[in-house]
Full PDB file with SEQRES, HELIX, SHEET, SSBOND, CRYST1, ORIGX, SCALE, CONECT and MASTER records, all heavy atoms in Angstrom:
SEQRES   1 A   31  ASP SER GLU ARG VAL ILE GLY LYS PRO TRP ILE ALA GLY          
SEQRES   2 A   31  LEU ASN ALA GLN LEU ARG LYS ASP LEU ASN LEU SER TRP          
SEQRES   3 A   31  ASP PRO LEU MET ALA                                          
HELIX    1 AA1 GLY A    7  LEU A   22  1                                  16    
CRYST1    1.000    1.000    1.000  90.00  90.00  90.00 P 1           1          
ORIGX1      1.000000  0.000000  0.000000        0.00000                         
ORIGX2      0.000000  1.000000  0.000000        0.00000                         
ORIGX3      0.000000  0.000000  1.000000        0.00000                         
SCALE1      1.000000  0.000000  0.000000        0.00000                         
SCALE2      0.000000  1.000000  0.000000        0.00000                         
SCALE3      0.000000  0.000000  1.000000        0.00000                         
ATOM      1  N   ASP A   1       2.243  -8.891  22.254  1.00  0.00           N  
ATOM      2  CA  ASP A   1       2.665  -8.529  20.922  1.00  0.00           C  
ATOM      3  C   ASP A   1       1.496  -7.585  20.378  1.00  0.00           C  
ATOM      4  O   ASP A   1       0.551  -8.044  19.755  1.00  0.00           O  
ATOM      5  CB  ASP A   1       2.769  -9.796  20.070  1.00  0.00           C  
ATOM      6  CG  ASP A   1       3.279  -9.441  18.637  1.00  0.00           C  
ATOM      7  OD1 ASP A   1       3.709  -8.302  18.445  1.00  0.00           O  
ATOM      8  OD2 ASP A   1       3.220 -10.344  17.810  1.00  0.00           O  
ATOM      9  N   SER A   2       1.671  -6.305  20.628  1.00  0.00           N  
ATOM     10  CA  SER A   2       0.642  -5.359  20.268  1.00  0.00           C  
ATOM     11  C   SER A   2       1.210  -4.139  19.587  1.00  0.00           C  
ATOM     12  O   SER A   2       2.312  -3.668  19.964  1.00  0.00           O  
ATOM     13  CB  SER A   2      -0.163  -4.931  21.513  1.00  0.00           C  
ATOM     14  OG  SER A   2      -1.193  -4.041  21.205  1.00  0.00           O  
ATOM     15  N   GLU A   3       0.479  -3.620  18.621  1.00  0.00           N  
ATOM     16  CA  GLU A   3       0.919  -2.422  17.944  1.00  0.00           C  
ATOM     17  C   GLU A   3      -0.273  -1.712  17.343  1.00  0.00           C  
ATOM     18  O   GLU A   3      -1.337  -2.287  17.168  1.00  0.00           O  
ATOM     19  CB  GLU A   3       1.943  -2.675  16.862  1.00  0.00           C  
ATOM     20  CG  GLU A   3       1.405  -3.587  15.752  1.00  0.00           C  
ATOM     21  CD  GLU A   3       2.453  -3.899  14.664  1.00  0.00           C  
ATOM     22  OE1 GLU A   3       3.595  -3.385  14.799  1.00  0.00           O  
ATOM     23  OE2 GLU A   3       2.135  -4.648  13.717  1.00  0.00           O  
ATOM     24  N   ARG A   4      -0.077  -0.450  16.956  1.00  0.00           N  
ATOM     25  CA  ARG A   4      -1.150   0.301  16.264  1.00  0.00           C  
ATOM     26  C   ARG A   4      -1.096   0.090  14.737  1.00  0.00           C  
ATOM     27  O   ARG A   4       0.010  -0.034  14.200  1.00  0.00           O  
ATOM     28  CB  ARG A   4      -1.009   1.797  16.494  1.00  0.00           C  
ATOM     29  CG  ARG A   4      -1.287   2.126  17.953  1.00  0.00           C  
ATOM     30  CD  ARG A   4      -1.263   3.633  18.183  1.00  0.00           C  
ATOM     31  NE  ARG A   4      -1.551   3.871  19.596  1.00  0.00           N  
ATOM     32  CZ  ARG A   4      -2.752   3.849  20.115  1.00  0.00           C  
ATOM     33  NH1 ARG A   4      -3.801   3.650  19.372  1.00  0.00           N  
ATOM     34  NH2 ARG A   4      -2.927   4.010  21.430  1.00  0.00           N  
ATOM     35  N   VAL A   5      -2.247   0.024  14.119  1.00  0.00           N  
ATOM     36  CA  VAL A   5      -2.333   0.064  12.668  1.00  0.00           C  
ATOM     37  C   VAL A   5      -3.200   1.275  12.318  1.00  0.00           C  
ATOM     38  O   VAL A   5      -4.408   1.269  12.565  1.00  0.00           O  
ATOM     39  CB  VAL A   5      -3.019  -1.242  12.116  1.00  0.00           C  
ATOM     40  CG1 VAL A   5      -3.056  -1.149  10.587  1.00  0.00           C  
ATOM     41  CG2 VAL A   5      -2.243  -2.458  12.590  1.00  0.00           C  
ATOM     42  N   ILE A   6      -2.595   2.307  11.833  1.00  0.00           N  
ATOM     43  CA  ILE A   6      -3.286   3.531  11.591  1.00  0.00           C  
ATOM     44  C   ILE A   6      -3.889   3.517  10.160  1.00  0.00           C  
ATOM     45  O   ILE A   6      -3.207   3.268   9.176  1.00  0.00           O  
ATOM     46  CB  ILE A   6      -2.341   4.765  11.732  1.00  0.00           C  
ATOM     47  CG1 ILE A   6      -1.598   4.681  13.072  1.00  0.00           C  
ATOM     48  CG2 ILE A   6      -3.169   6.074  11.621  1.00  0.00           C  
ATOM     49  CD1 ILE A   6      -2.493   4.702  14.281  1.00  0.00           C  
ATOM     50  N   GLY A   7      -5.150   3.777  10.127  1.00  0.00           N  
ATOM     51  CA  GLY A   7      -5.927   3.515   8.901  1.00  0.00           C  
ATOM     52  C   GLY A   7      -5.508   4.285   7.645  1.00  0.00           C  
ATOM     53  O   GLY A   7      -5.305   3.738   6.568  1.00  0.00           O  
ATOM     54  N   LYS A   8      -5.333   5.642   7.784  1.00  0.00           N  
ATOM     55  CA  LYS A   8      -5.057   6.452   6.610  1.00  0.00           C  
ATOM     56  C   LYS A   8      -3.730   6.082   5.937  1.00  0.00           C  
ATOM     57  O   LYS A   8      -3.707   5.877   4.715  1.00  0.00           O  
ATOM     58  CB  LYS A   8      -5.123   7.894   6.960  1.00  0.00           C  
ATOM     59  CG  LYS A   8      -6.551   8.407   7.194  1.00  0.00           C  
ATOM     60  CD  LYS A   8      -6.606   9.903   7.434  1.00  0.00           C  
ATOM     61  CE  LYS A   8      -8.006  10.419   7.595  1.00  0.00           C  
ATOM     62  NZ  LYS A   8      -8.070  11.881   7.835  1.00  0.00           N  
ATOM     63  N   PRO A   9      -2.646   5.964   6.681  1.00  0.00           N  
ATOM     64  CA  PRO A   9      -1.401   5.591   5.956  1.00  0.00           C  
ATOM     65  C   PRO A   9      -1.428   4.161   5.457  1.00  0.00           C  
ATOM     66  O   PRO A   9      -0.813   3.856   4.441  1.00  0.00           O  
ATOM     67  CB  PRO A   9      -0.314   5.800   7.057  1.00  0.00           C  
ATOM     68  CG  PRO A   9      -1.036   5.880   8.354  1.00  0.00           C  
ATOM     69  CD  PRO A   9      -2.396   6.461   8.045  1.00  0.00           C  
ATOM     70  N   TRP A  10      -2.150   3.327   6.130  1.00  0.00           N  
ATOM     71  CA  TRP A  10      -2.231   1.914   5.701  1.00  0.00           C  
ATOM     72  C   TRP A  10      -2.931   1.809   4.382  1.00  0.00           C  
ATOM     73  O   TRP A  10      -2.443   1.159   3.411  1.00  0.00           O  
ATOM     74  CB  TRP A  10      -2.977   1.049   6.744  1.00  0.00           C  
ATOM     75  CG  TRP A  10      -2.976  -0.402   6.516  1.00  0.00           C  
ATOM     76  CD1 TRP A  10      -1.986  -1.278   6.741  1.00  0.00           C  
ATOM     77  CD2 TRP A  10      -4.068  -1.185   5.913  1.00  0.00           C  
ATOM     78  NE1 TRP A  10      -2.358  -2.579   6.367  1.00  0.00           N  
ATOM     79  CE2 TRP A  10      -3.652  -2.524   5.885  1.00  0.00           C  
ATOM     80  CE3 TRP A  10      -5.325  -0.842   5.468  1.00  0.00           C  
ATOM     81  CZ2 TRP A  10      -4.427  -3.559   5.388  1.00  0.00           C  
ATOM     82  CZ3 TRP A  10      -6.165  -1.855   4.949  1.00  0.00           C  
ATOM     83  CH2 TRP A  10      -5.682  -3.206   4.922  1.00  0.00           C  
ATOM     84  N   ILE A  11      -4.085   2.451   4.246  1.00  0.00           N  
ATOM     85  CA  ILE A  11      -4.796   2.402   2.976  1.00  0.00           C  
ATOM     86  C   ILE A  11      -4.108   3.194   1.870  1.00  0.00           C  
ATOM     87  O   ILE A  11      -4.131   2.842   0.689  1.00  0.00           O  
ATOM     88  CB  ILE A  11      -6.271   2.879   3.167  1.00  0.00           C  
ATOM     89  CG1 ILE A  11      -7.182   2.296   2.052  1.00  0.00           C  
ATOM     90  CG2 ILE A  11      -6.397   4.387   3.197  1.00  0.00           C  
ATOM     91  CD1 ILE A  11      -7.468   0.862   2.193  1.00  0.00           C  
ATOM     92  N   ALA A  12      -3.438   4.276   2.286  1.00  0.00           N  
ATOM     93  CA  ALA A  12      -2.691   5.072   1.286  1.00  0.00           C  
ATOM     94  C   ALA A  12      -1.535   4.269   0.713  1.00  0.00           C  
ATOM     95  O   ALA A  12      -1.257   4.342  -0.553  1.00  0.00           O  
ATOM     96  CB  ALA A  12      -2.140   6.355   1.943  1.00  0.00           C  
ATOM     97  N   GLY A  13      -0.862   3.458   1.531  1.00  0.00           N  
ATOM     98  CA  GLY A  13       0.227   2.642   1.022  1.00  0.00           C  
ATOM     99  C   GLY A  13      -0.278   1.594   0.043  1.00  0.00           C  
ATOM    100  O   GLY A  13       0.390   1.315  -1.014  1.00  0.00           O  
ATOM    101  N   LEU A  14      -1.428   0.989   0.306  1.00  0.00           N  
ATOM    102  CA  LEU A  14      -2.023   0.011  -0.629  1.00  0.00           C  
ATOM    103  C   LEU A  14      -2.384   0.681  -1.925  1.00  0.00           C  
ATOM    104  O   LEU A  14      -2.096   0.111  -2.992  1.00  0.00           O  
ATOM    105  CB  LEU A  14      -3.254  -0.592   0.048  1.00  0.00           C  
ATOM    106  CG  LEU A  14      -3.017  -1.609   1.197  1.00  0.00           C  
ATOM    107  CD1 LEU A  14      -4.333  -1.964   1.803  1.00  0.00           C  
ATOM    108  CD2 LEU A  14      -2.255  -2.830   0.718  1.00  0.00           C  
ATOM    109  N   ASN A  15      -3.004   1.838  -1.852  1.00  0.00           N  
ATOM    110  CA  ASN A  15      -3.391   2.527  -3.076  1.00  0.00           C  
ATOM    111  C   ASN A  15      -2.187   2.912  -3.929  1.00  0.00           C  
ATOM    112  O   ASN A  15      -2.214   2.796  -5.147  1.00  0.00           O  
ATOM    113  CB  ASN A  15      -4.234   3.796  -2.722  1.00  0.00           C  
ATOM    114  CG  ASN A  15      -5.673   3.487  -2.548  1.00  0.00           C  
ATOM    115  OD1 ASN A  15      -6.242   2.627  -3.215  1.00  0.00           O  
ATOM    116  ND2 ASN A  15      -6.303   4.166  -1.601  1.00  0.00           N  
ATOM    117  N   ALA A  16      -1.150   3.389  -3.293  1.00  0.00           N  
ATOM    118  CA  ALA A  16       0.030   3.775  -4.046  1.00  0.00           C  
ATOM    119  C   ALA A  16       0.658   2.563  -4.788  1.00  0.00           C  
ATOM    120  O   ALA A  16       1.043   2.648  -5.949  1.00  0.00           O  
ATOM    121  CB  ALA A  16       1.090   4.389  -3.097  1.00  0.00           C  
ATOM    122  N   GLN A  17       0.711   1.425  -4.118  1.00  0.00           N  
ATOM    123  CA  GLN A  17       1.278   0.220  -4.714  1.00  0.00           C  
ATOM    124  C   GLN A  17       0.375  -0.293  -5.820  1.00  0.00           C  
ATOM    125  O   GLN A  17       0.899  -0.730  -6.887  1.00  0.00           O  
ATOM    126  CB  GLN A  17       1.493  -0.858  -3.663  1.00  0.00           C  
ATOM    127  CG  GLN A  17       2.297  -2.051  -4.103  1.00  0.00           C  
ATOM    128  CD  GLN A  17       3.732  -1.646  -4.504  1.00  0.00           C  
ATOM    129  OE1 GLN A  17       4.378  -0.976  -3.728  1.00  0.00           O  
ATOM    130  NE2 GLN A  17       4.188  -2.107  -5.660  1.00  0.00           N  
ATOM    131  N   LEU A  18      -0.953  -0.229  -5.657  1.00  0.00           N  
ATOM    132  CA  LEU A  18      -1.858  -0.720  -6.682  1.00  0.00           C  
ATOM    133  C   LEU A  18      -1.868   0.207  -7.870  1.00  0.00           C  
ATOM    134  O   LEU A  18      -1.959  -0.311  -9.030  1.00  0.00           O  
ATOM    135  CB  LEU A  18      -3.263  -0.856  -6.088  1.00  0.00           C  
ATOM    136  CG  LEU A  18      -3.457  -1.989  -5.112  1.00  0.00           C  
ATOM    137  CD1 LEU A  18      -4.822  -1.841  -4.393  1.00  0.00           C  
ATOM    138  CD2 LEU A  18      -3.309  -3.326  -5.773  1.00  0.00           C  
ATOM    139  N   ARG A  19      -1.749   1.445  -7.709  1.00  0.00           N  
ATOM    140  CA  ARG A  19      -1.669   2.394  -8.828  1.00  0.00           C  
ATOM    141  C   ARG A  19      -0.454   2.028  -9.690  1.00  0.00           C  
ATOM    142  O   ARG A  19      -0.534   2.031 -10.911  1.00  0.00           O  
ATOM    143  CB  ARG A  19      -1.585   3.821  -8.315  1.00  0.00           C  
ATOM    144  CG  ARG A  19      -2.871   4.393  -7.776  1.00  0.00           C  
ATOM    145  CD  ARG A  19      -2.687   5.779  -7.203  1.00  0.00           C  
ATOM    146  NE  ARG A  19      -2.414   6.775  -8.325  1.00  0.00           N  
ATOM    147  CZ  ARG A  19      -3.200   7.809  -8.637  1.00  0.00           C  
ATOM    148  NH1 ARG A  19      -4.278   7.992  -7.966  1.00  0.00           N  
ATOM    149  NH2 ARG A  19      -2.891   8.596  -9.611  1.00  0.00           N  
ATOM    150  N   LYS A  20       0.647   1.754  -9.028  1.00  0.00           N  
ATOM    151  CA  LYS A  20       1.883   1.416  -9.661  1.00  0.00           C  
ATOM    152  C   LYS A  20       1.773   0.047 -10.393  1.00  0.00           C  
ATOM    153  O   LYS A  20       2.145  -0.107 -11.582  1.00  0.00           O  
ATOM    154  CB  LYS A  20       3.027   1.453  -8.734  1.00  0.00           C  
ATOM    155  CG  LYS A  20       4.403   1.024  -9.316  1.00  0.00           C  
ATOM    156  CD  LYS A  20       5.458   1.048  -8.255  1.00  0.00           C  
ATOM    157  CE  LYS A  20       6.820   0.614  -8.826  1.00  0.00           C  
ATOM    158  NZ  LYS A  20       7.891   0.602  -7.775  1.00  0.00           N  
ATOM    159  N   ASP A  21       1.348  -0.958  -9.623  1.00  0.00           N  
ATOM    160  CA  ASP A  21       1.311  -2.341 -10.146  1.00  0.00           C  
ATOM    161  C   ASP A  21       0.334  -2.526 -11.304  1.00  0.00           C  
ATOM    162  O   ASP A  21       0.522  -3.283 -12.237  1.00  0.00           O  
ATOM    163  CB  ASP A  21       0.989  -3.341  -9.054  1.00  0.00           C  
ATOM    164  CG  ASP A  21       2.093  -3.432  -7.991  1.00  0.00           C  
ATOM    165  OD1 ASP A  21       3.191  -2.863  -8.254  1.00  0.00           O  
ATOM    166  OD2 ASP A  21       1.834  -3.952  -6.923  1.00  0.00           O  
ATOM    167  N   LEU A  22      -0.792  -1.816 -11.208  1.00  0.00           N  
ATOM    168  CA  LEU A  22      -1.908  -2.032 -12.163  1.00  0.00           C  
ATOM    169  C   LEU A  22      -2.019  -0.911 -13.167  1.00  0.00           C  
ATOM    170  O   LEU A  22      -2.955  -0.874 -13.976  1.00  0.00           O  
ATOM    171  CB  LEU A  22      -3.208  -2.241 -11.425  1.00  0.00           C  
ATOM    172  CG  LEU A  22      -3.283  -3.387 -10.453  1.00  0.00           C  
ATOM    173  CD1 LEU A  22      -4.661  -3.435  -9.783  1.00  0.00           C  
ATOM    174  CD2 LEU A  22      -2.982  -4.724 -11.137  1.00  0.00           C  
ATOM    175  N   ASN A  23      -1.115   0.058 -13.084  1.00  0.00           N  
ATOM    176  CA  ASN A  23      -1.117   1.232 -13.955  1.00  0.00           C  
ATOM    177  C   ASN A  23      -2.475   1.973 -13.908  1.00  0.00           C  
ATOM    178  O   ASN A  23      -3.105   2.235 -14.927  1.00  0.00           O  
ATOM    179  CB  ASN A  23      -0.745   0.789 -15.428  1.00  0.00           C  
ATOM    180  CG  ASN A  23      -0.471   2.024 -16.279  1.00  0.00           C  
ATOM    181  OD1 ASN A  23       0.027   3.023 -15.820  1.00  0.00           O  
ATOM    182  ND2 ASN A  23      -0.741   1.847 -17.599  1.00  0.00           N  
ATOM    183  N   LEU A  24      -2.862   2.316 -12.720  1.00  0.00           N  
ATOM    184  CA  LEU A  24      -4.168   2.977 -12.538  1.00  0.00           C  
ATOM    185  C   LEU A  24      -3.954   4.452 -12.362  1.00  0.00           C  
ATOM    186  O   LEU A  24      -2.948   4.928 -11.904  1.00  0.00           O  
ATOM    187  CB  LEU A  24      -4.859   2.452 -11.260  1.00  0.00           C  
ATOM    188  CG  LEU A  24      -5.170   0.948 -11.229  1.00  0.00           C  
ATOM    189  CD1 LEU A  24      -5.739   0.564  -9.845  1.00  0.00           C  
ATOM    190  CD2 LEU A  24      -6.137   0.561 -12.338  1.00  0.00           C  
ATOM    191  N   SER A  25      -4.964   5.245 -12.762  1.00  0.00           N  
ATOM    192  CA  SER A  25      -4.961   6.692 -12.649  1.00  0.00           C  
ATOM    193  C   SER A  25      -5.728   7.176 -11.420  1.00  0.00           C  
ATOM    194  O   SER A  25      -5.860   8.357 -11.254  1.00  0.00           O  
ATOM    195  CB  SER A  25      -5.518   7.350 -13.900  1.00  0.00           C  
ATOM    196  OG  SER A  25      -6.925   6.933 -14.099  1.00  0.00           O  
ATOM    197  N   TRP A  26      -6.237   6.241 -10.621  1.00  0.00           N  
ATOM    198  CA  TRP A  26      -7.014   6.618  -9.466  1.00  0.00           C  
ATOM    199  C   TRP A  26      -6.680   5.722  -8.263  1.00  0.00           C  
ATOM    200  O   TRP A  26      -6.144   4.633  -8.475  1.00  0.00           O  
ATOM    201  CB  TRP A  26      -8.486   6.598  -9.768  1.00  0.00           C  
ATOM    202  CG  TRP A  26      -9.064   5.216  -9.832  1.00  0.00           C  
ATOM    203  CD1 TRP A  26      -9.728   4.524  -8.843  1.00  0.00           C  
ATOM    204  CD2 TRP A  26      -9.085   4.339 -10.980  1.00  0.00           C  
ATOM    205  NE1 TRP A  26     -10.155   3.274  -9.249  1.00  0.00           N  
ATOM    206  CE2 TRP A  26      -9.736   3.144 -10.557  1.00  0.00           C  
ATOM    207  CE3 TRP A  26      -8.580   4.370 -12.271  1.00  0.00           C  
ATOM    208  CZ2 TRP A  26      -9.925   2.063 -11.409  1.00  0.00           C  
ATOM    209  CZ3 TRP A  26      -8.766   3.304 -13.112  1.00  0.00           C  
ATOM    210  CH2 TRP A  26      -9.424   2.145 -12.720  1.00  0.00           C  
ATOM    211  N   ASP A  27      -7.046   6.182  -7.091  1.00  0.00           N  
ATOM    212  CA  ASP A  27      -6.889   5.340  -5.877  1.00  0.00           C  
ATOM    213  C   ASP A  27      -8.106   4.343  -5.879  1.00  0.00           C  
ATOM    214  O   ASP A  27      -9.246   4.806  -5.759  1.00  0.00           O  
ATOM    215  CB  ASP A  27      -6.890   6.167  -4.609  1.00  0.00           C  
ATOM    216  CG  ASP A  27      -5.595   6.914  -4.421  1.00  0.00           C  
ATOM    217  OD1 ASP A  27      -4.623   6.593  -5.024  1.00  0.00           O  
ATOM    218  OD2 ASP A  27      -5.587   7.909  -3.628  1.00  0.00           O  
ATOM    219  N   PRO A  28      -7.836   3.065  -5.965  1.00  0.00           N  
ATOM    220  CA  PRO A  28      -8.928   2.106  -6.174  1.00  0.00           C  
ATOM    221  C   PRO A  28      -9.562   1.607  -4.875  1.00  0.00           C  
ATOM    222  O   PRO A  28     -10.557   0.857  -4.930  1.00  0.00           O  
ATOM    223  CB  PRO A  28      -8.278   0.952  -6.866  1.00  0.00           C  
ATOM    224  CG  PRO A  28      -6.838   0.948  -6.331  1.00  0.00           C  
ATOM    225  CD  PRO A  28      -6.504   2.377  -6.142  1.00  0.00           C  
ATOM    226  N   LEU A  29      -9.024   1.937  -3.699  1.00  0.00           N  
ATOM    227  CA  LEU A  29      -9.538   1.400  -2.442  1.00  0.00           C  
ATOM    228  C   LEU A  29     -10.075   2.509  -1.601  1.00  0.00           C  
ATOM    229  O   LEU A  29      -9.453   3.560  -1.450  1.00  0.00           O  
ATOM    230  CB  LEU A  29      -8.464   0.617  -1.727  1.00  0.00           C  
ATOM    231  CG  LEU A  29      -7.776  -0.532  -2.429  1.00  0.00           C  
ATOM    232  CD1 LEU A  29      -6.789  -1.212  -1.523  1.00  0.00           C  
ATOM    233  CD2 LEU A  29      -8.806  -1.569  -2.942  1.00  0.00           C  
ATOM    234  N   MET A  30     -11.178   2.207  -0.930  1.00  0.00           N  
ATOM    235  CA  MET A  30     -11.793   3.146   0.025  1.00  0.00           C  
ATOM    236  C   MET A  30     -11.972   2.375   1.339  1.00  0.00           C  
ATOM    237  O   MET A  30     -12.376   1.216   1.324  1.00  0.00           O  
ATOM    238  CB  MET A  30     -13.150   3.681  -0.478  1.00  0.00           C  
ATOM    239  CG  MET A  30     -13.055   4.613  -1.618  1.00  0.00           C  
ATOM    240  SD  MET A  30     -12.457   6.188  -1.099  1.00  0.00           S  
ATOM    241  CE  MET A  30     -13.762   6.756  -0.010  1.00  0.00           C  
ATOM    242  N   ALA A  31     -11.759   3.005   2.449  1.00  0.00           N  
ATOM    243  CA  ALA A  31     -11.992   2.368   3.733  1.00  0.00           C  
ATOM    244  C   ALA A  31     -12.541   3.370   4.770  1.00  0.00           C  
ATOM    245  O   ALA A  31     -12.098   3.451   5.862  1.00  0.00           O  
ATOM    246  CB  ALA A  31     -10.710   1.719   4.233  1.00  0.00           C  
TER     247      ALA A  31                                                      
MASTER        0    0    0    1    0    0    0    6  246    1    0    3          
END                                                                             
């Protein structure tokens, strides 16, 4: 049971959801 987790789209998805959920004007996560 193996798969790739690609960093840039993974962190971008989190940032997009957090911007929406928390009404933020910036990307709050860096990796």
